[in-house]
C-alpha atoms as a PDB file:
ATOM      1  CA  UNK A   1     -10.585  11.228 -10.750  1.00  0.00           C
ATOM      2  CA  UNK A   2     -11.699  10.405 -14.271  1.00  0.00           C
ATOM      3  CA  UNK A   3     -14.577   8.023 -14.772  1.00  0.00           C
ATOM      4  CA  UNK A   4     -14.426   7.531 -18.430  1.00  0.00           C
ATOM      5  CA  UNK A   5     -12.170   6.784 -21.497  1.00  0.00           C
ATOM      6  CA  UNK A   6     -11.375   9.588 -23.317  1.00  0.00           C
ATOM      7  CA  UNK A   7     -12.487   8.220 -26.599  1.00  0.00           C
ATOM      8  CA  UNK A   8     -11.875   5.307 -28.481  1.00  0.00           C
ATOM      9  CA  UNK A   9      -8.810   6.939 -30.513  1.00  0.00           C
ATOM     10  CA  UNK A  10      -6.942   7.551 -27.212  1.00  0.00           C
ATOM     11  CA  UNK A  11      -7.879   3.917 -26.148  1.00  0.00           C
ATOM     12  CA  UNK A  12      -6.128   2.492 -29.614  1.00  0.00           C
ATOM     13  CA  UNK A  13      -3.086   5.059 -28.950  1.00  0.00           C
ATOM     14  CA  UNK A  14      -2.607   3.538 -25.243  1.00  0.00           C
ATOM     15  CA  UNK A  15      -3.008  -0.028 -26.615  1.00  0.00           C
ATOM     16  CA  UNK A  16      -0.051   0.414 -29.266  1.00  0.00           C
ATOM     17  CA  UNK A  17       2.139   2.245 -26.554  1.00  0.00           C
ATOM     18  CA  UNK A  18       1.731  -0.594 -24.221  1.00  0.00           C
ATOM     19  CA  UNK A  19       2.551  -3.139 -27.023  1.00  0.00           C
ATOM     20  CA  UNK A  20       5.806  -0.817 -27.821  1.00  0.00           C
ATOM     21  CA  UNK A  21       6.773  -0.802 -24.105  1.00  0.00           C
ATOM     22  CA  UNK A  22       6.455  -4.290 -23.662  1.00  0.00           C
ATOM     23  CA  UNK A  23       8.708  -4.739 -26.643  1.00  0.00           C
ATOM     24  CA  UNK A  24      10.978  -2.376 -25.152  1.00  0.00           C
ATOM     25  CA  UNK A  25      10.995  -4.265 -21.641  1.00  0.00           C
ATOM     26  CA  UNK A  26      11.713  -7.642 -23.597  1.00  0.00           C
ATOM     27  CA  UNK A  27      14.631  -6.352 -25.328  1.00  0.00           C
ATOM     28  CA  UNK A  28      15.914  -4.857 -21.918  1.00  0.00           C
ATOM     29  CA  UNK A  29      15.524  -7.926 -20.019  1.00  0.00           C
ATOM     30  CA  UNK A  30      17.697  -9.861 -22.413  1.00  0.00           C
ATOM     31  CA  UNK A  31      20.796  -7.170 -22.068  1.00  0.00           C
ATOM     32  CA  UNK A  32      23.675  -9.085 -20.122  1.00  0.00           C
ATOM     33  CA  UNK A  33      24.114  -6.146 -17.715  1.00  0.00           C
ATOM     34  CA  UNK A  34      20.564  -5.530 -16.595  1.00  0.00           C
ATOM     35  CA  UNK A  35      20.253  -4.871 -13.004  1.00  0.00           C
ATOM     36  CA  UNK A  36      17.328  -6.837 -12.292  1.00  0.00           C
ATOM     37  CA  UNK A  37      17.204  -8.991  -9.037  1.00  0.00           C
ATOM     38  CA  UNK A  38      14.892 -11.421  -7.356  1.00  0.00           C
ATOM     39  CA  UNK A  39      13.278 -10.119  -4.296  1.00  0.00           C
ATOM     40  CA  UNK A  40      11.305 -12.946  -3.365  1.00  0.00           C
ATOM     41  CA  UNK A  41       8.584 -15.420  -4.206  1.00  0.00           C
ATOM     42  CA  UNK A  42       4.691 -15.586  -3.284  1.00  0.00           C
ATOM     43  CA  UNK A  43       3.606 -19.002  -1.864  1.00  0.00           C
ATOM     44  CA  UNK A  44       0.218 -18.116  -0.571  1.00  0.00           C
ATOM     45  CA  UNK A  45      -2.729 -20.421  -0.996  1.00  0.00           C
ATOM     46  CA  UNK A  46      -5.059 -17.501  -1.624  1.00  0.00           C
ATOM     47  CA  UNK A  47      -3.061 -16.256  -4.021  1.00  0.00           C
ATOM     48  CA  UNK A  48      -2.687 -18.492  -6.703  1.00  0.00           C
ATOM     49  CA  UNK A  49      -3.261 -16.429  -9.854  1.00  0.00           C
ATOM     50  CA  UNK A  50      -1.884 -12.716  -9.140  1.00  0.00           C
ATOM     51  CA  UNK A  51      -3.128 -10.428 -11.982  1.00  0.00           C
ATOM     52  CA  UNK A  52      -1.900  -7.229 -10.531  1.00  0.00           C
ATOM     53  CA  UNK A  53       1.004  -6.130  -8.337  1.00  0.00           C
ATOM     54  CA  UNK A  54       2.477  -2.396  -7.493  1.00  0.00           C
ATOM     55  CA  UNK A  55       4.838  -1.689  -4.850  1.00  0.00           C
ATOM     56  CA  UNK A  56       3.637   0.401  -1.777  1.00  0.00           C
ATOM     57  CA  UNK A  57       4.226   4.049  -1.908  1.00  0.00           C
ATOM     58  CA  UNK A  58       3.990   4.303   2.093  1.00  0.00           C
ATOM     59  CA  UNK A  59       4.858   0.984   3.534  1.00  0.00           C
ATOM     60  CA  UNK A  60       8.424  -0.570   3.484  1.00  0.00           C
ATOM     61  CA  UNK A  61       8.789  -3.801   1.987  1.00  0.00           C
ATOM     62  CA  UNK A  62       5.492  -4.077   0.773  1.00  0.00           C
ATOM     63  CA  UNK A  63       3.680  -4.914  -2.513  1.00  0.00           C
ATOM     64  CA  UNK A  64      -0.207  -4.768  -3.004  1.00  0.00           C
ATOM     65  CA  UNK A  65      -1.298  -7.762  -5.127  1.00  0.00           C
ATOM     66  CA  UNK A  66      -4.809  -8.645  -6.663  1.00  0.00           C
ATOM     67  CA  UNK A  67      -5.644 -12.287  -7.255  1.00  0.00           C
ATOM     68  CA  UNK A  68      -7.612 -12.934 -10.607  1.00  0.00           C
ATOM     69  CA  UNK A  69     -11.283 -12.760 -10.168  1.00  0.00           C
ATOM     70  CA  UNK A  70     -11.610 -15.155  -7.211  1.00  0.00           C
ATOM     71  CA  UNK A  71     -11.949 -12.498  -4.433  1.00  0.00           C
ATOM     72  CA  UNK A  72     -13.420  -9.096  -3.567  1.00  0.00           C
ATOM     73  CA  UNK A  73     -10.030  -8.132  -1.816  1.00  0.00           C
ATOM     74  CA  UNK A  74      -6.533  -7.307  -2.369  1.00  0.00           C
ATOM     75  CA  UNK A  75      -3.501  -8.278  -0.406  1.00  0.00           C
ATOM     76  CA  UNK A  76      -0.444  -6.489   0.906  1.00  0.00           C
ATOM     77  CA  UNK A  77       2.518  -8.733   1.054  1.00  0.00           C
ATOM     78  CA  UNK A  78       6.270  -8.477   1.916  1.00  0.00           C
ATOM     79  CA  UNK A  79       8.823  -8.810  -0.959  1.00  0.00           C
ATOM     80  CA  UNK A  80       9.357 -12.297   0.351  1.00  0.00           C
ATOM     81  CA  UNK A  81       5.657 -13.232  -0.110  1.00  0.00           C
ATOM     82  CA  UNK A  82       4.389 -13.043   3.550  1.00  0.00           C
ATOM     83  CA  UNK A  83       0.978 -11.644   3.911  1.00  0.00           C
ATOM     84  CA  UNK A  84       0.880  -8.600   5.622  1.00  0.00           C
ATOM     85  CA  UNK A  85      -2.638  -7.243   5.370  1.00  0.00           C
ATOM     86  CA  UNK A  86      -5.844  -8.144   3.551  1.00  0.00           C
ATOM     87  CA  UNK A  87      -8.259  -5.660   2.441  1.00  0.00           C
ATOM     88  CA  UNK A  88     -11.936  -6.303   1.564  1.00  0.00           C
ATOM     89  CA  UNK A  89     -13.945  -3.553  -0.149  1.00  0.00           C
ATOM     90  CA  UNK A  90     -17.536  -2.541   1.256  1.00  0.00           C
ATOM     91  CA  UNK A  91     -19.863  -2.638  -1.743  1.00  0.00           C
ATOM     92  CA  UNK A  92     -20.353  -4.742  -4.784  1.00  0.00           C
ATOM     93  CA  UNK A  93     -16.910  -5.838  -6.391  1.00  0.00           C
ATOM     94  CA  UNK A  94     -16.944  -8.095  -9.427  1.00  0.00           C
ATOM     95  CA  UNK A  95     -13.698  -9.135 -10.834  1.00  0.00           C
ATOM     96  CA  UNK A  96     -10.404  -7.574  -9.801  1.00  0.00           C
ATOM     97  CA  UNK A  97      -7.803  -7.483 -12.124  1.00  0.00           C
ATOM     98  CA  UNK A  98      -5.221  -4.928 -11.716  1.00  0.00           C
ATOM     99  CA  UNK A  99      -3.876  -2.107  -9.227  1.00  0.00           C
ATOM    100  CA  UNK A 100      -2.418   1.345 -10.040  1.00  0.00           C
ATOM    101  CA  UNK A 101      -1.910   4.685  -8.030  1.00  0.00           C
ATOM    102  CA  UNK A 102      -3.345   8.106  -8.356  1.00  0.00           C
ATOM    103  CA  UNK A 103      -2.507  11.251  -6.259  1.00  0.00           C
ATOM    104  CA  UNK A 104      -5.143  13.702  -4.909  1.00  0.00           C
ATOM    105  CA  UNK A 105      -4.768  17.362  -5.191  1.00  0.00           C
ATOM    106  CA  UNK A 106      -3.275  17.264  -1.556  1.00  0.00           C
ATOM    107  CA  UNK A 107      -0.529  14.530  -2.840  1.00  0.00           C
ATOM    108  CA  UNK A 108      -2.350  11.966  -0.811  1.00  0.00           C
ATOM    109  CA  UNK A 109      -1.537   8.473  -2.395  1.00  0.00           C
ATOM    110  CA  UNK A 110      -4.616   6.462  -3.516  1.00  0.00           C
ATOM    111  CA  UNK A 111      -4.594   3.023  -4.345  1.00  0.00           C
ATOM    112  CA  UNK A 112      -6.962   2.302  -7.375  1.00  0.00           C
ATOM    113  CA  UNK A 113      -8.369  -0.792  -7.852  1.00  0.00           C
ATOM    114  CA  UNK A 114      -9.455  -2.266 -11.408  1.00  0.00           C
ATOM    115  CA  UNK A 115     -12.735  -4.111 -10.833  1.00  0.00           C
ATOM    116  CA  UNK A 116     -12.807  -4.664 -14.425  1.00  0.00           C
ATOM    117  CA  UNK A 117     -12.699  -8.453 -15.557  1.00  0.00           C
ATOM    118  CA  UNK A 118     -15.496  -9.631 -17.727  1.00  0.00           C
ATOM    119  CA  UNK A 119     -14.444 -12.851 -19.592  1.00  0.00           C
ATOM    120  CA  UNK A 120     -18.025 -13.425 -20.462  1.00  0.00           C
ATOM    121  CA  UNK A 121     -18.387 -10.095 -21.801  1.00  0.00           C
ATOM    122  CA  UNK A 122     -21.534  -9.473 -20.181  1.00  0.00           C
ATOM    123  CA  UNK A 123     -20.873  -6.288 -17.881  1.00  0.00           C
ATOM    124  CA  UNK A 124     -22.609  -3.071 -18.725  1.00  0.00           C
ATOM    125  CA  UNK A 125     -19.814  -1.060 -16.895  1.00  0.00           C
ATOM    126  CA  UNK A 126     -16.495  -1.815 -15.110  1.00  0.00           C
ATOM    127  CA  UNK A 127     -15.270   0.207 -12.290  1.00  0.00           C
ATOM    128  CA  UNK A 128     -12.346   1.962 -10.734  1.00  0.00           C
ATOM    129  CA  UNK A 129     -12.368   2.002  -6.777  1.00  0.00           C
ATOM    130  CA  UNK A 130     -10.044   4.171  -4.933  1.00  0.00           C
ATOM    131  CA  UNK A 131      -8.876   4.013  -1.363  1.00  0.00           C
ATOM    132  CA  UNK A 132      -6.274   6.013   0.651  1.00  0.00           C
ATOM    133  CA  UNK A 133      -3.232   3.707   0.796  1.00  0.00           C
ATOM    134  CA  UNK A 134      -3.455   2.246   4.276  1.00  0.00           C
ATOM    135  CA  UNK A 135      -0.132   2.515   6.478  1.00  0.00           C
ATOM    136  CA  UNK A 136       0.820  -0.826   8.098  1.00  0.00           C
ATOM    137  CA  UNK A 137       1.978  -0.466  11.598  1.00  0.00           C
ATOM    138  CA  UNK A 138       1.514  -3.909  13.136  1.00  0.00           C
ATOM    139  CA  UNK A 139       3.294  -7.069  12.955  1.00  0.00           C
ATOM    140  CA  UNK A 140      -0.002  -8.790  12.718  1.00  0.00           C
ATOM    141  CA  UNK A 141      -1.760  -9.464   9.617  1.00  0.00           C
ATOM    142  CA  UNK A 142      -4.821  -7.131   9.754  1.00  0.00           C
ATOM    143  CA  UNK A 143      -7.808  -7.844   7.863  1.00  0.00           C
ATOM    144  CA  UNK A 144      -9.640  -4.545   6.897  1.00  0.00           C
ATOM    145  CA  UNK A 145     -12.670  -3.870   5.506  1.00  0.00           C
ATOM    146  CA  UNK A 146     -12.607  -0.522   3.732  1.00  0.00           C
ATOM    147  CA  UNK A 147     -15.255   1.812   2.248  1.00  0.00           C
ATOM    148  CA  UNK A 148     -13.900   3.208  -1.014  1.00  0.00           C
ATOM    149  CA  UNK A 149     -13.271   6.985  -1.269  1.00  0.00           C
ATOM    150  CA  UNK A 150     -14.125   7.060  -5.057  1.00  0.00           C
ATOM    151  CA  UNK A 151     -16.139   4.509  -7.460  1.00  0.00           C
ATOM    152  CA  UNK A 152     -15.904   5.411 -10.826  1.00  0.00           C
ATOM    153  CA  UNK A 153     -17.836   3.739 -13.570  1.00  0.00           C
ATOM    154  CA  UNK A 154     -16.629   3.313 -17.077  1.00  0.00           C
ATOM    155  CA  UNK A 155     -18.773   2.481 -20.030  1.00  0.00           C
ATOM    156  CA  UNK A 156     -17.106   1.690 -23.221  1.00  0.00           C
ATOM    157  CA  UNK A 157     -18.314   3.896 -26.077  1.00  0.00           C
ATOM    158  CA  UNK A 158     -18.671   1.038 -28.556  1.00  0.00           C
ATOM    159  CA  UNK A 159     -19.016  -2.450 -27.109  1.00  0.00           C
ATOM    160  CA  UNK A 160     -18.043  -4.605 -23.963  1.00  0.00           C
ATOM    161  CA  UNK A 161     -14.214  -5.605 -23.562  1.00  0.00           C
ATOM    162  CA  UNK A 162     -12.504  -7.790 -20.931  1.00  0.00           C
ATOM    163  CA  UNK A 163     -10.242  -5.110 -19.384  1.00  0.00           C
ATOM    164  CA  UNK A 164      -7.123  -6.932 -18.025  1.00  0.00           C
ATOM    165  CA  UNK A 165      -4.990  -4.021 -16.913  1.00  0.00           C
ATOM    166  CA  UNK A 166      -5.275  -0.294 -15.717  1.00  0.00           C
ATOM    167  CA  UNK A 167      -2.808   2.563 -15.502  1.00  0.00           C
ATOM    168  CA  UNK A 168      -2.761   6.073 -14.417  1.00  0.00           C
ATOM    169  CA  UNK A 169      -1.037   9.101 -16.344  1.00  0.00           C
ATOM    170  CA  UNK A 170       0.392  11.248 -13.805  1.00  0.00           C
ATOM    171  CA  UNK A 171       0.918  14.279 -16.275  1.00  0.00           C
ATOM    172  CA  UNK A 172      -2.877  14.141 -17.954  1.00  0.00           C
ATOM    173  CA  UNK A 173      -4.581  12.669 -14.929  1.00  0.00           C
ATOM    174  CA  UNK A 174      -6.196  10.263 -17.223  1.00  0.00           C
ATOM    175  CA  UNK A 175      -6.765   6.226 -16.524  1.00  0.00           C
ATOM    176  CA  UNK A 176      -6.275   3.877 -19.199  1.00  0.00           C
ATOM    177  CA  UNK A 177      -7.741   0.405 -19.533  1.00  0.00           C
ATOM    178  CA  UNK A 178      -6.420  -2.336 -21.490  1.00  0.00           C
ATOM    179  CA  UNK A 179      -7.780  -5.532 -22.963  1.00  0.00           C
ATOM    180  CA  UNK A 180      -6.607  -8.487 -24.464  1.00  0.00           C
ATOM    181  CA  UNK A 181      -9.599  -9.238 -26.828  1.00  0.00           C
ATOM    182  CA  UNK A 182      -9.439  -5.917 -28.938  1.00  0.00           C
ATOM    183  CA  UNK A 183      -9.266  -6.737 -32.717  1.00  0.00           C
ATOM    184  CA  UNK A 184      -8.101  -3.671 -34.820  1.00  0.00           C
ATOM    185  CA  UNK A 185      -9.037  -3.843 -38.696  1.00  0.00           C
END
């Protein structure tokens, strides 16, 4: 797993790629024959400001969601919004913003949680927290406390940012972090 942004130039290129991707998605959403469909809605009091969501790679009808900055946990929900699992992390977690995946060399799926929010721009580093994606076998709503397999700290090369999103590139193995408060000259 990579523990740092690969230079500010790559960071700017990733931001520009994200902006282009967002524009393409916006255009596709306006096409008359798009194949999007509503799968459900989440009406859960503990999840009133979802900031990250990713479809499970090992559990049918499951999405993993992060609620912005209010908790040190993530939730597994059904596509209809019913909570199936609540995961708390052993150790310090500040402000979870987003989720992504990575694969181990053995093709084991890991959930990567971006403990990256910093609205006050005071954090010395952010961290990516990786856990093996749990397989949910029960009809109960399990509450799990998981010790992460990896914690990778990211120190920015020039100043502090409020990171709102993370992504993993399976071709290069690099993680990317995205900020909403970056000002280009």
